[in-house]
PDB file of N, CA and C in Angstrom:
ATOM      1  N   UNK A   1      65.186 -80.055  41.375  1.00  0.00           N
ATOM      2  CA  UNK A   1      64.408 -81.204  41.782  1.00  0.00           C
ATOM      3  C   UNK A   1      63.346 -80.843  42.813  1.00  0.00           C
ATOM      4  N   UNK A   2      63.620 -79.817  43.579  1.00  0.00           N
ATOM      5  CA  UNK A   2      62.673 -79.463  44.636  1.00  0.00           C
ATOM      6  C   UNK A   2      61.380 -78.876  44.091  1.00  0.00           C
ATOM      7  N   UNK A   3      61.380 -78.420  42.849  1.00  0.00           N
ATOM      8  CA  UNK A   3      60.173 -77.814  42.289  1.00  0.00           C
ATOM      9  C   UNK A   3      59.012 -78.811  42.261  1.00  0.00           C
ATOM     10  N   UNK A   4      59.323 -80.087  42.173  1.00  0.00           N
ATOM     11  CA  UNK A   4      58.266 -81.104  42.127  1.00  0.00           C
ATOM     12  C   UNK A   4      57.482 -81.150  43.439  1.00  0.00           C
ATOM     13  N   UNK A   5      58.080 -80.661  44.521  1.00  0.00           N
ATOM     14  CA  UNK A   5      57.409 -80.646  45.830  1.00  0.00           C
ATOM     15  C   UNK A   5      56.537 -79.400  46.016  1.00  0.00           C
ATOM     16  N   UNK A   6      56.661 -78.420  45.128  1.00  0.00           N
ATOM     17  CA  UNK A   6      55.906 -77.172  45.234  1.00  0.00           C
ATOM     18  C   UNK A   6      54.423 -77.443  44.949  1.00  0.00           C
ATOM     19  N   UNK A   7      53.541 -77.106  45.875  1.00  0.00           N
ATOM     20  CA  UNK A   7      52.107 -77.372  45.673  1.00  0.00           C
ATOM     21  C   UNK A   7      51.548 -76.702  44.422  1.00  0.00           C
ATOM     22  N   UNK A   8      52.015 -75.513  44.108  1.00  0.00           N
ATOM     23  CA  UNK A   8      51.519 -74.812  42.923  1.00  0.00           C
ATOM     24  C   UNK A   8      51.934 -75.530  41.642  1.00  0.00           C
ATOM     25  N   UNK A   9      53.145 -76.053  41.614  1.00  0.00           N
ATOM     26  CA  UNK A   9      53.607 -76.788  40.444  1.00  0.00           C
ATOM     27  C   UNK A   9      52.812 -78.079  40.268  1.00  0.00           C
ATOM     28  N   UNK A  10      52.588 -78.770  41.363  1.00  0.00           N
ATOM     29  CA  UNK A  10      51.797 -80.005  41.306  1.00  0.00           C
ATOM     30  C   UNK A  10      50.370 -79.707  40.841  1.00  0.00           C
ATOM     31  N   UNK A  11      49.810 -78.609  41.331  1.00  0.00           N
ATOM     32  CA  UNK A  11      48.460 -78.211  40.909  1.00  0.00           C
ATOM     33  C   UNK A  11      48.439 -77.909  39.412  1.00  0.00           C
ATOM     34  N   UNK A  12      49.500 -77.285  38.906  1.00  0.00           N
ATOM     35  CA  UNK A  12      49.585 -76.998  37.479  1.00  0.00           C
ATOM     36  C   UNK A  12      49.613 -78.292  36.672  1.00  0.00           C
ATOM     37  N   UNK A  13      50.396 -79.271  37.111  1.00  0.00           N
ATOM     38  CA  UNK A  13      50.450 -80.557  36.422  1.00  0.00           C
ATOM     39  C   UNK A  13      49.081 -81.231  36.411  1.00  0.00           C
ATOM     40  N   UNK A  14      48.404 -81.190  37.530  1.00  0.00           N
ATOM     41  CA  UNK A  14      47.077 -81.793  37.628  1.00  0.00           C
ATOM     42  C   UNK A  14      46.073 -81.067  36.729  1.00  0.00           C
ATOM     43  N   UNK A  15      46.220 -79.754  36.623  1.00  0.00           N
ATOM     44  CA  UNK A  15      45.335 -78.966  35.762  1.00  0.00           C
ATOM     45  C   UNK A  15      45.577 -79.279  34.286  1.00  0.00           C
ATOM     46  N   UNK A  16      46.850 -79.433  33.910  1.00  0.00           N
ATOM     47  CA  UNK A  16      47.204 -79.669  32.508  1.00  0.00           C
ATOM     48  C   UNK A  16      46.858 -81.075  32.034  1.00  0.00           C
ATOM     49  N   UNK A  17      46.823 -82.028  32.950  1.00  0.00           N
ATOM     50  CA  UNK A  17      46.532 -83.416  32.593  1.00  0.00           C
ATOM     51  C   UNK A  17      45.384 -83.894  33.465  1.00  0.00           C
ATOM     52  N   UNK A  18      44.185 -83.860  32.943  1.00  0.00           N
ATOM     53  CA  UNK A  18      42.986 -84.116  33.741  1.00  0.00           C
ATOM     54  C   UNK A  18      42.932 -85.511  34.362  1.00  0.00           C
ATOM     55  N   UNK A  19      43.470 -86.517  33.679  1.00  0.00           N
ATOM     56  CA  UNK A  19      43.397 -87.881  34.215  1.00  0.00           C
ATOM     57  C   UNK A  19      44.532 -88.199  35.186  1.00  0.00           C
ATOM     58  N   UNK A  20      45.358 -87.232  35.497  1.00  0.00           N
ATOM     59  CA  UNK A  20      46.470 -87.397  36.433  1.00  0.00           C
ATOM     60  C   UNK A  20      45.977 -87.186  37.860  1.00  0.00           C
ATOM     61  N   UNK A  21      46.500 -87.994  38.784  1.00  0.00           N
ATOM     62  CA  UNK A  21      46.196 -87.776  40.197  1.00  0.00           C
ATOM     63  C   UNK A  21      47.474 -87.371  40.914  1.00  0.00           C
ATOM     64  N   UNK A  22      47.318 -86.828  42.099  1.00  0.00           N
ATOM     65  CA  UNK A  22      48.487 -86.388  42.866  1.00  0.00           C
ATOM     66  C   UNK A  22      49.435 -87.555  43.152  1.00  0.00           C
ATOM     67  N   UNK A  23      48.882 -88.752  43.326  1.00  0.00           N
ATOM     68  CA  UNK A  23      49.718 -89.933  43.583  1.00  0.00           C
ATOM     69  C   UNK A  23      50.527 -90.350  42.358  1.00  0.00           C
ATOM     70  N   UNK A  24      50.109 -89.921  41.167  1.00  0.00           N
ATOM     71  CA  UNK A  24      50.844 -90.250  39.938  1.00  0.00           C
ATOM     72  C   UNK A  24      52.119 -89.424  39.779  1.00  0.00           C
ATOM     73  N   UNK A  25      52.193 -88.299  40.460  1.00  0.00           N
ATOM     74  CA  UNK A  25      53.356 -87.413  40.333  1.00  0.00           C
ATOM     75  C   UNK A  25      54.415 -87.857  41.329  1.00  0.00           C
ATOM     76  N   UNK A  26      55.582 -88.253  40.837  1.00  0.00           N
ATOM     77  CA  UNK A  26      56.621 -88.726  41.756  1.00  0.00           C
ATOM     78  C   UNK A  26      57.202 -87.579  42.581  1.00  0.00           C
ATOM     79  N   UNK A  27      57.720 -87.927  43.727  1.00  0.00           N
ATOM     80  CA  UNK A  27      58.407 -86.948  44.577  1.00  0.00           C
ATOM     81  C   UNK A  27      59.856 -86.804  44.160  1.00  0.00           C
ATOM     82  N   UNK A  28      60.563 -85.871  44.804  1.00  0.00           N
ATOM     83  CA  UNK A  28      61.951 -85.620  44.408  1.00  0.00           C
ATOM     84  C   UNK A  28      62.869 -86.800  44.683  1.00  0.00           C
ATOM     85  N   UNK A  29      62.594 -87.577  45.733  1.00  0.00           N
ATOM     86  CA  UNK A  29      63.456 -88.722  46.004  1.00  0.00           C
ATOM     87  C   UNK A  29      63.282 -89.806  44.944  1.00  0.00           C
ATOM     88  N   UNK A  30      62.064 -89.998  44.460  1.00  0.00           N
ATOM     89  CA  UNK A  30      61.810 -90.971  43.381  1.00  0.00           C
ATOM     90  C   UNK A  30      62.478 -90.508  42.083  1.00  0.00           C
ATOM     91  N   UNK A  31      62.355 -89.214  41.774  1.00  0.00           N
ATOM     92  CA  UNK A  31      62.992 -88.688  40.567  1.00  0.00           C
ATOM     93  C   UNK A  31      64.508 -88.834  40.671  1.00  0.00           C
ATOM     94  N   UNK A  32      65.065 -88.510  41.846  1.00  0.00           N
ATOM     95  CA  UNK A  32      66.503 -88.629  42.059  1.00  0.00           C
ATOM     96  C   UNK A  32      66.966 -90.075  41.860  1.00  0.00           C
ATOM     97  N   UNK A  33      66.258 -91.017  42.437  1.00  0.00           N
ATOM     98  CA  UNK A  33      66.671 -92.423  42.310  1.00  0.00           C
ATOM     99  C   UNK A  33      66.527 -92.902  40.865  1.00  0.00           C
ATOM    100  N   UNK A  34      65.518 -92.421  40.162  1.00  0.00           N
ATOM    101  CA  UNK A  34      65.349 -92.793  38.745  1.00  0.00           C
ATOM    102  C   UNK A  34      66.486 -92.250  37.895  1.00  0.00           C
ATOM    103  N   UNK A  35      66.891 -91.016  38.157  1.00  0.00           N
ATOM    104  CA  UNK A  35      68.008 -90.414  37.415  1.00  0.00           C
ATOM    105  C   UNK A  35      69.295 -91.175  37.689  1.00  0.00           C
ATOM    106  N   UNK A  36      69.550 -91.499  38.946  1.00  0.00           N
ATOM    107  CA  UNK A  36      70.770 -92.232  39.289  1.00  0.00           C
ATOM    108  C   UNK A  36      70.783 -93.628  38.672  1.00  0.00           C
ATOM    109  N   UNK A  37      69.635 -94.276  38.650  1.00  0.00           N
ATOM    110  CA  UNK A  37      69.530 -95.603  38.045  1.00  0.00           C
ATOM    111  C   UNK A  37      69.798 -95.530  36.538  1.00  0.00           C
ATOM    112  N   UNK A  38      69.216 -94.526  35.891  1.00  0.00           N
ATOM    113  CA  UNK A  38      69.427 -94.339  34.458  1.00  0.00           C
ATOM    114  C   UNK A  38      70.895 -94.009  34.172  1.00  0.00           C
ATOM    115  N   UNK A  39      71.509 -93.171  35.018  1.00  0.00           N
ATOM    116  CA  UNK A  39      72.921 -92.823  34.854  1.00  0.00           C
ATOM    117  C   UNK A  39      73.787 -94.074  34.974  1.00  0.00           C
ATOM    118  N   UNK A  40      73.509 -94.917  35.939  1.00  0.00           N
ATOM    119  CA  UNK A  40      74.282 -96.146  36.138  1.00  0.00           C
ATOM    120  C   UNK A  40      74.194 -97.040  34.909  1.00  0.00           C
ATOM    121  N   UNK A  41      73.001 -97.184  34.348  1.00  0.00           N
ATOM    122  CA  UNK A  41      72.809 -98.000  33.148  1.00  0.00           C
ATOM    123  C   UNK A  41      73.618 -97.445  31.980  1.00  0.00           C
ATOM    124  N   UNK A  42      73.525 -96.141  31.749  1.00  0.00           N
ATOM    125  CA  UNK A  42      74.253 -95.512  30.643  1.00  0.00           C
ATOM    126  C   UNK A  42      75.754 -95.547  30.871  1.00  0.00           C
ATOM    127  N   UNK A  43      76.188 -95.389  32.120  1.00  0.00           N
ATOM    128  CA  UNK A  43      77.613 -95.452  32.442  1.00  0.00           C
ATOM    129  C   UNK A  43      78.188 -96.826  32.123  1.00  0.00           C
ATOM    130  N   UNK A  44      77.475 -97.882  32.502  1.00  0.00           N
ATOM    131  CA  UNK A  44      77.943 -99.240  32.221  1.00  0.00           C
ATOM    132  C   UNK A  44      77.977 -99.507  30.719  1.00  0.00           C
ATOM    133  N   UNK A  45      76.999 -98.984  29.985  1.00  0.00           N
ATOM    134  CA  UNK A  45      76.976 -99.136  28.529  1.00  0.00           C
ATOM    135  C   UNK A  45      78.171 -98.415  27.900  1.00  0.00           C
ATOM    136  N   UNK A  46      78.442 -97.204  28.348  1.00  0.00           N
ATOM    137  CA  UNK A  46      79.585 -96.447  27.835  1.00  0.00           C
ATOM    138  C   UNK A  46      80.895 -97.142  28.183  1.00  0.00           C
ATOM    139  N   UNK A  47      81.008 -97.635  29.396  1.00  0.00           N
ATOM    140  CA  UNK A  47      82.219 -98.339  29.822  1.00  0.00           C
ATOM    141  C   UNK A  47      82.475 -99.555  28.939  1.00  0.00           C
ATOM    142  N   UNK A  48      81.426-100.293  28.621  1.00  0.00           N
ATOM    143  CA  UNK A  48      81.542-101.456  27.752  1.00  0.00           C
ATOM    144  C   UNK A  48      82.019-101.048  26.354  1.00  0.00           C
ATOM    145  N   UNK A  49      81.463 -99.956  25.821  1.00  0.00           N
ATOM    146  CA  UNK A  49      81.877 -99.478  24.507  1.00  0.00           C
ATOM    147  C   UNK A  49      83.331 -99.025  24.509  1.00  0.00           C
ATOM    148  N   UNK A  50      83.750 -98.350  25.577  1.00  0.00           N
ATOM    149  CA  UNK A  50      85.127 -97.864  25.652  1.00  0.00           C
ATOM    150  C   UNK A  50      86.129 -99.008  25.762  1.00  0.00           C
ATOM    151  N   UNK A  51      85.735-100.099  26.396  1.00  0.00           N
ATOM    152  CA  UNK A  51      86.621-101.254  26.494  1.00  0.00           C
ATOM    153  C   UNK A  51      86.888-101.859  25.124  1.00  0.00           C
ATOM    154  N   UNK A  52      85.983-101.631  24.171  1.00  0.00           N
ATOM    155  CA  UNK A  52      86.159-102.144  22.820  1.00  0.00           C
ATOM    156  C   UNK A  52      86.827-101.161  21.877  1.00  0.00           C
ATOM    157  N   UNK A  53      87.307-100.033  22.402  1.00  0.00           N
ATOM    158  CA  UNK A  53      87.942 -99.049  21.527  1.00  0.00           C
ATOM    159  C   UNK A  53      89.284 -99.579  21.028  1.00  0.00           C
ATOM    160  N   UNK A  54      89.679 -99.110  19.841  1.00  0.00           N
ATOM    161  CA  UNK A  54      90.902 -99.606  19.203  1.00  0.00           C
ATOM    162  C   UNK A  54      92.135 -98.790  19.546  1.00  0.00           C
ATOM    163  N   UNK A  55      92.009 -97.818  20.352  1.00  0.00           N
ATOM    164  CA  UNK A  55      93.161 -96.979  20.689  1.00  0.00           C
ATOM    165  C   UNK A  55      92.817 -96.063  21.831  1.00  0.00           C
ATOM    166  N   UNK A  56      93.298 -94.870  21.712  1.00  0.00           N
ATOM    167  CA  UNK A  56      93.083 -93.888  22.762  1.00  0.00           C
ATOM    168  C   UNK A  56      91.721 -93.213  22.623  1.00  0.00           C
ATOM    169  N   UNK A  57      91.277 -92.654  23.711  1.00  0.00           N
ATOM    170  CA  UNK A  57      90.040 -91.893  23.726  1.00  0.00           C
ATOM    171  C   UNK A  57      90.421 -90.417  23.791  1.00  0.00           C
ATOM    172  N   UNK A  58      89.860 -89.625  22.876  1.00  0.00           N
ATOM    173  CA  UNK A  58      90.143 -88.191  22.849  1.00  0.00           C
ATOM    174  C   UNK A  58      88.956 -87.430  23.435  1.00  0.00           C
ATOM    175  N   UNK A  59      89.256 -86.352  24.128  1.00  0.00           N
ATOM    176  CA  UNK A  59      88.225 -85.534  24.746  1.00  0.00           C
ATOM    177  C   UNK A  59      88.284 -84.111  24.202  1.00  0.00           C
ATOM    178  N   UNK A  60      87.127 -83.511  24.010  1.00  0.00           N
ATOM    179  CA  UNK A  60      87.042 -82.097  23.686  1.00  0.00           C
ATOM    180  C   UNK A  60      86.132 -81.452  24.721  1.00  0.00           C
ATOM    181  N   UNK A  61      86.366 -80.184  24.965  1.00  0.00           N
ATOM    182  CA  UNK A  61      85.547 -79.471  25.944  1.00  0.00           C
ATOM    183  C   UNK A  61      85.204 -78.092  25.403  1.00  0.00           C
ATOM    184  N   UNK A  62      84.057 -77.591  25.814  1.00  0.00           N
ATOM    185  CA  UNK A  62      83.628 -76.258  25.434  1.00  0.00           C
ATOM    186  C   UNK A  62      82.924 -75.630  26.635  1.00  0.00           C
ATOM    187  N   UNK A  63      83.232 -74.379  26.875  1.00  0.00           N
ATOM    188  CA  UNK A  63      82.621 -73.633  27.976  1.00  0.00           C
ATOM    189  C   UNK A  63      82.026 -72.361  27.381  1.00  0.00           C
ATOM    190  N   UNK A  64      80.798 -72.043  27.775  1.00  0.00           N
ATOM    191  CA  UNK A  64      80.163 -70.831  27.286  1.00  0.00           C
ATOM    192  C   UNK A  64      79.130 -70.355  28.295  1.00  0.00           C
ATOM    193  N   UNK A  65      78.591 -69.181  28.049  1.00  0.00           N
ATOM    194  CA  UNK A  65      77.485 -68.689  28.863  1.00  0.00           C
ATOM    195  C   UNK A  65      76.399 -68.169  27.937  1.00  0.00           C
ATOM    196  N   UNK A  66      75.167 -68.204  28.434  1.00  0.00           N
ATOM    197  CA  UNK A  66      74.049 -67.710  27.632  1.00  0.00           C
ATOM    198  C   UNK A  66      73.858 -66.217  27.882  1.00  0.00           C
ATOM    199  N   UNK A  67      72.800 -65.659  27.328  1.00  0.00           N
ATOM    200  CA  UNK A  67      72.568 -64.220  27.449  1.00  0.00           C
ATOM    201  C   UNK A  67      72.304 -63.777  28.890  1.00  0.00           C
ATOM    202  N   UNK A  68      71.905 -64.723  29.745  1.00  0.00           N
ATOM    203  CA  UNK A  68      71.683 -64.412  31.163  1.00  0.00           C
ATOM    204  C   UNK A  68      72.922 -64.716  32.001  1.00  0.00           C
ATOM    205  N   UNK A  69      74.044 -64.997  31.326  1.00  0.00           N
ATOM    206  CA  UNK A  69      75.337 -65.283  31.947  1.00  0.00           C
ATOM    207  C   UNK A  69      75.335 -66.549  32.798  1.00  0.00           C
ATOM    208  N   UNK A  70      74.465 -67.509  32.448  1.00  0.00           N
ATOM    209  CA  UNK A  70      74.507 -68.819  33.104  1.00  0.00           C
ATOM    210  C   UNK A  70      75.610 -69.638  32.442  1.00  0.00           C
ATOM    211  N   UNK A  71      76.474 -70.253  33.240  1.00  0.00           N
ATOM    212  CA  UNK A  71      77.591 -70.999  32.651  1.00  0.00           C
ATOM    213  C   UNK A  71      77.184 -72.403  32.205  1.00  0.00           C
ATOM    214  N   UNK A  72      77.801 -72.871  31.135  1.00  0.00           N
ATOM    215  CA  UNK A  72      77.598 -74.220  30.621  1.00  0.00           C
ATOM    216  C   UNK A  72      78.945 -74.841  30.314  1.00  0.00           C
ATOM    217  N   UNK A  73      79.034 -76.147  30.472  1.00  0.00           N
ATOM    218  CA  UNK A  73      80.235 -76.900  30.161  1.00  0.00           C
ATOM    219  C   UNK A  73      79.817 -78.170  29.437  1.00  0.00           C
ATOM    220  N   UNK A  74      80.445 -78.431  28.294  1.00  0.00           N
ATOM    221  CA  UNK A  74      80.184 -79.668  27.556  1.00  0.00           C
ATOM    222  C   UNK A  74      81.505 -80.407  27.381  1.00  0.00           C
ATOM    223  N   UNK A  75      81.485 -81.688  27.622  1.00  0.00           N
ATOM    224  CA  UNK A  75      82.658 -82.539  27.410  1.00  0.00           C
ATOM    225  C   UNK A  75      82.233 -83.677  26.491  1.00  0.00           C
ATOM    226  N   UNK A  76      83.003 -83.892  25.434  1.00  0.00           N
ATOM    227  CA  UNK A  76      82.692 -84.929  24.457  1.00  0.00           C
ATOM    228  C   UNK A  76      83.872 -85.878  24.337  1.00  0.00           C
ATOM    229  N   UNK A  77      83.603 -87.164  24.281  1.00  0.00           N
ATOM    230  CA  UNK A  77      84.642 -88.177  24.094  1.00  0.00           C
ATOM    231  C   UNK A  77      84.517 -88.757  22.689  1.00  0.00           C
ATOM    232  N   UNK A  78      85.655 -89.008  22.050  1.00  0.00           N
ATOM    233  CA  UNK A  78      85.684 -89.577  20.701  1.00  0.00           C
ATOM    234  C   UNK A  78      86.601 -90.802  20.728  1.00  0.00           C
ATOM    235  N   UNK A  79      86.162 -91.887  20.094  1.00  0.00           N
ATOM    236  CA  UNK A  79      86.986 -93.079  19.983  1.00  0.00           C
ATOM    237  C   UNK A  79      86.549 -93.865  18.761  1.00  0.00           C
ATOM    238  N   UNK A  80      87.394 -94.776  18.333  1.00  0.00           N
ATOM    239  CA  UNK A  80      87.097 -95.633  17.193  1.00  0.00           C
ATOM    240  C   UNK A  80      86.918 -97.051  17.701  1.00  0.00           C
ATOM    241  N   UNK A  81      85.895 -97.719  17.185  1.00  0.00           N
ATOM    242  CA  UNK A  81      85.678 -99.117  17.564  1.00  0.00           C
ATOM    243  C   UNK A  81      85.375 -99.935  16.317  1.00  0.00           C
ATOM    244  N   UNK A  82      85.643-101.218  16.410  1.00  0.00           N
ATOM    245  CA  UNK A  82      85.350-102.124  15.310  1.00  0.00           C
ATOM    246  C   UNK A  82      83.953-102.702  15.510  1.00  0.00           C
ATOM    247  N   UNK A  83      83.133-102.596  14.474  1.00  0.00           N
ATOM    248  CA  UNK A  83      81.778-103.125  14.522  1.00  0.00           C
ATOM    249  C   UNK A  83      81.789-104.616  14.243  1.00  0.00           C
ATOM    250  N   UNK A  84      80.660-105.277  14.470  1.00  0.00           N
ATOM    251  CA  UNK A  84      80.550-106.719  14.272  1.00  0.00           C
ATOM    252  C   UNK A  84      80.841-107.141  12.824  1.00  0.00           C
ATOM    253  N   UNK A  85      80.546-106.254  11.861  1.00  0.00           N
ATOM    254  CA  UNK A  85      80.803-106.587  10.457  1.00  0.00           C
ATOM    255  C   UNK A  85      82.238-106.309  10.044  1.00  0.00           C
ATOM    256  N   UNK A  86      83.079-105.879  10.963  1.00  0.00           N
ATOM    257  CA  UNK A  86      84.494-105.640  10.688  1.00  0.00           C
ATOM    258  C   UNK A  86      84.830-104.212  10.317  1.00  0.00           C
ATOM    259  N   UNK A  87      83.846-103.384  10.057  1.00  0.00           N
ATOM    260  CA  UNK A  87      84.135-102.003   9.695  1.00  0.00           C
ATOM    261  C   UNK A  87      84.415-101.182  10.958  1.00  0.00           C
ATOM    262  N   UNK A  88      85.016-100.018  10.746  1.00  0.00           N
ATOM    263  CA  UNK A  88      85.346 -99.140  11.861  1.00  0.00           C
ATOM    264  C   UNK A  88      84.288 -98.058  12.010  1.00  0.00           C
ATOM    265  N   UNK A  89      84.078 -97.624  13.228  1.00  0.00           N
ATOM    266  CA  UNK A  89      83.084 -96.598  13.501  1.00  0.00           C
ATOM    267  C   UNK A  89      83.663 -95.599  14.482  1.00  0.00           C
ATOM    268  N   UNK A  90      83.456 -94.308  14.212  1.00  0.00           N
ATOM    269  CA  UNK A  90      83.897 -93.254  15.127  1.00  0.00           C
ATOM    270  C   UNK A  90      82.815 -93.006  16.141  1.00  0.00           C
TER     271      UNK A  90
END
């Protein structure tokens, strides 16, 4: 997130988009608050969907590293819910 505060990065953005001004580029605190707001919205949507599940929620996880040995972790949740038309959906 701190890269957005780097003057060289901001200059690059301004160079790549001619009609952009420095005031158009958000700072790290604005980006952080936008991410948290978006996360809250998606979390509430997921919570609502999970409340409508017909049984248990199953989780799978995978851990790997790329060629530069950077670690990654993925967690996936699976559940079944009944749709408005009465059919089931995974």
